[in-house]
Amino acid sequence: MLATEGDPIALMATPVELESALQVLAQQAVTEHGAEVIVIGGGPLGRVAKALSGKVDVPVIEAIPEAVRYLAAALGAAATR
């Protein structure tokens, strides 16, 4: 399992450091573990997901917006049946 270094509360309080730490972690997941996509959780991490897009070698997905798009598509498909 991969995790950022240090105190997570302090890291969350400093957006620049959070982004940097998650970028290192994401790239590590790609290079060392073969990750083909990075999924970043919701809340304050959503902003980091946007910032990381294009900075790592694989797609970065924001979990909550992607879930909403999936649900909207599923509901739309259900409405047409």
N, C-alpha and C. Protein backbone atom coordinates (compact mmCIF):
# COMPACT_ATOMS: atom_id res chain seq x y z
N MET A 1 0.84 -1.18 0.00
CA MET A 1 0.00 0.00 0.00
C MET A 1 0.88 1.24 0.00
N LEU A 2 0.49 2.21 -0.78
CA LEU A 2 1.23 3.47 -0.85
C LEU A 2 0.54 4.52 0.01
N ALA A 3 1.33 5.37 0.63
CA ALA A 3 0.78 6.45 1.44
C ALA A 3 1.76 7.61 1.45
N THR A 4 1.23 8.81 1.62
CA THR A 4 2.09 9.98 1.72
C THR A 4 2.86 9.95 3.03
N GLU A 5 3.96 10.64 3.05
CA GLU A 5 4.79 10.74 4.25
C GLU A 5 4.24 11.83 5.17
N GLY A 6 4.49 11.70 6.47
CA GLY A 6 4.19 12.76 7.43
C GLY A 6 2.77 12.78 7.92
N ASP A 7 2.45 13.86 8.59
CA ASP A 7 1.16 14.07 9.23
C ASP A 7 0.10 14.43 8.17
N PRO A 8 -0.92 13.61 7.99
CA PRO A 8 -1.92 13.90 6.96
C PRO A 8 -2.70 15.20 7.21
N ILE A 9 -2.91 15.56 8.46
CA ILE A 9 -3.64 16.80 8.76
C ILE A 9 -2.81 18.00 8.32
N ALA A 10 -1.54 17.99 8.62
CA ALA A 10 -0.66 19.08 8.20
C ALA A 10 -0.56 19.13 6.68
N LEU A 11 -0.52 17.98 6.05
CA LEU A 11 -0.44 17.93 4.60
C LEU A 11 -1.70 18.50 3.96
N MET A 12 -2.86 18.17 4.50
CA MET A 12 -4.12 18.69 3.97
C MET A 12 -4.23 20.20 4.15
N ALA A 13 -3.54 20.74 5.13
CA ALA A 13 -3.60 22.18 5.41
C ALA A 13 -2.74 22.99 4.45
N THR A 14 -1.90 22.32 3.67
CA THR A 14 -0.99 23.02 2.77
C THR A 14 -1.20 22.48 1.36
N PRO A 15 -2.06 23.12 0.56
CA PRO A 15 -2.41 22.59 -0.75
C PRO A 15 -1.21 22.33 -1.67
N VAL A 16 -0.23 23.19 -1.66
CA VAL A 16 0.93 22.99 -2.53
C VAL A 16 1.69 21.73 -2.13
N GLU A 17 1.89 21.54 -0.84
CA GLU A 17 2.58 20.34 -0.37
C GLU A 17 1.75 19.08 -0.61
N LEU A 18 0.44 19.20 -0.46
CA LEU A 18 -0.44 18.07 -0.71
C LEU A 18 -0.34 17.65 -2.17
N GLU A 19 -0.42 18.61 -3.06
CA GLU A 19 -0.31 18.31 -4.49
C GLU A 19 1.03 17.66 -4.81
N SER A 20 2.09 18.20 -4.27
CA SER A 20 3.42 17.65 -4.51
C SER A 20 3.53 16.22 -4.00
N ALA A 21 3.06 15.99 -2.80
CA ALA A 21 3.14 14.65 -2.20
C ALA A 21 2.32 13.65 -3.00
N LEU A 22 1.13 14.04 -3.44
CA LEU A 22 0.28 13.13 -4.20
C LEU A 22 0.83 12.90 -5.61
N GLN A 23 1.49 13.90 -6.16
CA GLN A 23 2.10 13.71 -7.47
C GLN A 23 3.22 12.66 -7.39
N VAL A 24 4.05 12.77 -6.36
CA VAL A 24 5.11 11.78 -6.14
C VAL A 24 4.51 10.39 -5.96
N LEU A 25 3.47 10.30 -5.15
CA LEU A 25 2.82 9.03 -4.88
C LEU A 25 2.18 8.45 -6.13
N ALA A 26 1.52 9.30 -6.91
CA ALA A 26 0.87 8.84 -8.14
C ALA A 26 1.91 8.31 -9.13
N GLN A 27 2.99 9.05 -9.29
CA GLN A 27 4.02 8.60 -10.22
C GLN A 27 4.67 7.31 -9.74
N GLN A 28 4.81 7.17 -8.44
CA GLN A 28 5.36 5.94 -7.85
C GLN A 28 4.41 4.76 -8.15
N ALA A 29 3.13 5.00 -8.04
CA ALA A 29 2.15 3.95 -8.34
C ALA A 29 2.27 3.50 -9.80
N VAL A 30 2.53 4.45 -10.68
CA VAL A 30 2.67 4.14 -12.10
C VAL A 30 3.96 3.38 -12.36
N THR A 31 5.08 3.93 -11.91
CA THR A 31 6.37 3.35 -12.26
C THR A 31 6.69 2.06 -11.51
N GLU A 32 6.30 1.98 -10.25
CA GLU A 32 6.67 0.83 -9.44
C GLU A 32 5.60 -0.26 -9.38
N HIS A 33 4.35 0.13 -9.63
CA HIS A 33 3.26 -0.84 -9.47
C HIS A 33 2.42 -1.02 -10.73
N GLY A 34 2.76 -0.30 -11.79
CA GLY A 34 2.06 -0.46 -13.05
C GLY A 34 0.66 0.12 -13.11
N ALA A 35 0.37 1.10 -12.27
CA ALA A 35 -0.97 1.70 -12.29
C ALA A 35 -1.26 2.27 -13.68
N GLU A 36 -2.45 2.04 -14.16
CA GLU A 36 -2.87 2.54 -15.47
C GLU A 36 -3.78 3.74 -15.36
N VAL A 37 -4.24 4.02 -14.16
CA VAL A 37 -5.08 5.18 -13.89
C VAL A 37 -4.95 5.50 -12.41
N ILE A 38 -5.10 6.76 -12.06
CA ILE A 38 -5.08 7.19 -10.66
C ILE A 38 -6.46 7.75 -10.34
N VAL A 39 -7.07 7.25 -9.29
CA VAL A 39 -8.38 7.74 -8.84
C VAL A 39 -8.15 8.49 -7.53
N ILE A 40 -8.53 9.76 -7.53
CA ILE A 40 -8.36 10.62 -6.35
C ILE A 40 -9.72 10.81 -5.71
N GLY A 41 -9.79 10.62 -4.39
CA GLY A 41 -11.04 10.75 -3.65
C GLY A 41 -11.63 12.15 -3.69
N GLY A 42 -12.74 12.31 -3.02
CA GLY A 42 -13.49 13.55 -3.05
C GLY A 42 -13.02 14.58 -2.04
N GLY A 43 -13.86 15.57 -1.83
CA GLY A 43 -13.56 16.65 -0.90
C GLY A 43 -12.38 17.49 -1.38
N PRO A 44 -11.51 17.86 -0.48
CA PRO A 44 -10.38 18.72 -0.86
C PRO A 44 -9.42 18.02 -1.83
N LEU A 45 -9.49 16.71 -1.91
CA LEU A 45 -8.61 16.00 -2.84
C LEU A 45 -9.04 16.20 -4.29
N GLY A 46 -10.29 16.57 -4.51
CA GLY A 46 -10.77 16.80 -5.87
C GLY A 46 -9.99 17.89 -6.58
N ARG A 47 -9.65 18.95 -5.86
CA ARG A 47 -8.84 20.02 -6.46
C ARG A 47 -7.47 19.50 -6.86
N VAL A 48 -6.93 18.63 -6.05
CA VAL A 48 -5.61 18.06 -6.35
C VAL A 48 -5.70 17.19 -7.60
N ALA A 49 -6.78 16.45 -7.76
CA ALA A 49 -6.94 15.61 -8.95
C ALA A 49 -6.88 16.46 -10.21
N LYS A 50 -7.57 17.60 -10.20
CA LYS A 50 -7.53 18.50 -11.35
C LYS A 50 -6.11 18.98 -11.61
N ALA A 51 -5.42 19.34 -10.56
CA ALA A 51 -4.06 19.84 -10.70
C ALA A 51 -3.09 18.77 -11.19
N LEU A 52 -3.34 17.51 -10.85
CA LEU A 52 -2.43 16.43 -11.24
C LEU A 52 -2.64 15.96 -12.68
N SER A 53 -3.79 16.26 -13.24
CA SER A 53 -4.05 15.84 -14.62
C SER A 53 -2.96 16.41 -15.52
N GLY A 54 -2.33 15.55 -16.28
CA GLY A 54 -1.25 15.96 -17.17
C GLY A 54 0.12 15.98 -16.52
N LYS A 55 0.18 15.79 -15.22
CA LYS A 55 1.47 15.81 -14.52
C LYS A 55 1.98 14.41 -14.20
N VAL A 56 1.14 13.41 -14.39
CA VAL A 56 1.58 12.02 -14.24
C VAL A 56 1.33 11.31 -15.57
N ASP A 57 1.89 10.15 -15.73
CA ASP A 57 1.89 9.47 -17.02
C ASP A 57 0.62 8.70 -17.35
N VAL A 58 -0.39 8.79 -16.51
CA VAL A 58 -1.66 8.09 -16.74
C VAL A 58 -2.82 9.05 -16.44
N PRO A 59 -4.03 8.71 -16.86
CA PRO A 59 -5.17 9.57 -16.54
C PRO A 59 -5.39 9.66 -15.02
N VAL A 60 -5.84 10.84 -14.58
CA VAL A 60 -6.19 11.06 -13.19
C VAL A 60 -7.69 11.32 -13.15
N ILE A 61 -8.39 10.53 -12.36
CA ILE A 61 -9.85 10.61 -12.29
C ILE A 61 -10.27 11.19 -10.95
N GLU A 62 -11.18 12.16 -11.02
CA GLU A 62 -11.80 12.71 -9.80
C GLU A 62 -12.99 11.81 -9.48
N ALA A 63 -12.98 11.17 -8.34
CA ALA A 63 -13.97 10.14 -8.02
C ALA A 63 -15.41 10.66 -8.02
N ILE A 64 -15.68 11.76 -7.35
CA ILE A 64 -17.07 12.21 -7.21
C ILE A 64 -17.66 12.69 -8.54
N PRO A 65 -16.99 13.59 -9.28
CA PRO A 65 -17.58 13.99 -10.57
C PRO A 65 -17.76 12.80 -11.53
N GLU A 66 -16.82 11.88 -11.51
CA GLU A 66 -16.94 10.70 -12.39
C GLU A 66 -18.12 9.84 -11.98
N ALA A 67 -18.34 9.68 -10.69
CA ALA A 67 -19.48 8.91 -10.21
C ALA A 67 -20.79 9.58 -10.60
N VAL A 68 -20.84 10.90 -10.53
CA VAL A 68 -22.05 11.64 -10.91
C VAL A 68 -22.31 11.47 -12.40
N ARG A 69 -21.26 11.57 -13.24
CA ARG A 69 -21.43 11.37 -14.68
C ARG A 69 -21.95 9.95 -14.97
N TYR A 70 -21.39 8.97 -14.27
CA TYR A 70 -21.82 7.58 -14.46
C TYR A 70 -23.29 7.42 -14.09
N LEU A 71 -23.66 7.97 -12.94
CA LEU A 71 -25.04 7.87 -12.48
C LEU A 71 -26.00 8.58 -13.43
N ALA A 72 -25.61 9.76 -13.89
CA ALA A 72 -26.45 10.51 -14.83
C ALA A 72 -26.65 9.71 -16.12
N ALA A 73 -25.58 9.10 -16.60
CA ALA A 73 -25.69 8.29 -17.81
C ALA A 73 -26.58 7.08 -17.58
N ALA A 74 -26.41 6.45 -16.42
CA ALA A 74 -27.22 5.28 -16.10
C ALA A 74 -28.70 5.66 -15.97
N LEU A 75 -28.97 6.77 -15.32
CA LEU A 75 -30.36 7.21 -15.18
C LEU A 75 -30.96 7.61 -16.52
N GLY A 76 -30.13 8.25 -17.34
CA GLY A 76 -30.59 8.63 -18.68
C GLY A 76 -30.92 7.40 -19.50
N ALA A 77 -30.11 6.37 -19.41
CA ALA A 77 -30.36 5.13 -20.14
C ALA A 77 -31.62 4.46 -19.61
N ALA A 78 -31.81 4.49 -18.30
CA ALA A 78 -32.99 3.88 -17.70
C ALA A 78 -34.26 4.63 -18.12
N ALA A 79 -34.16 5.94 -18.29
CA ALA A 79 -35.33 6.74 -18.64
C ALA A 79 -35.77 6.47 -20.07
N THR A 80 -34.87 5.99 -20.91
CA THR A 80 -35.22 5.75 -22.30
C THR A 80 -35.71 4.32 -22.55
N ARG A 81 -35.75 3.51 -21.51
CA ARG A 81 -36.22 2.11 -21.68
C ARG A 81 -37.70 2.02 -21.63
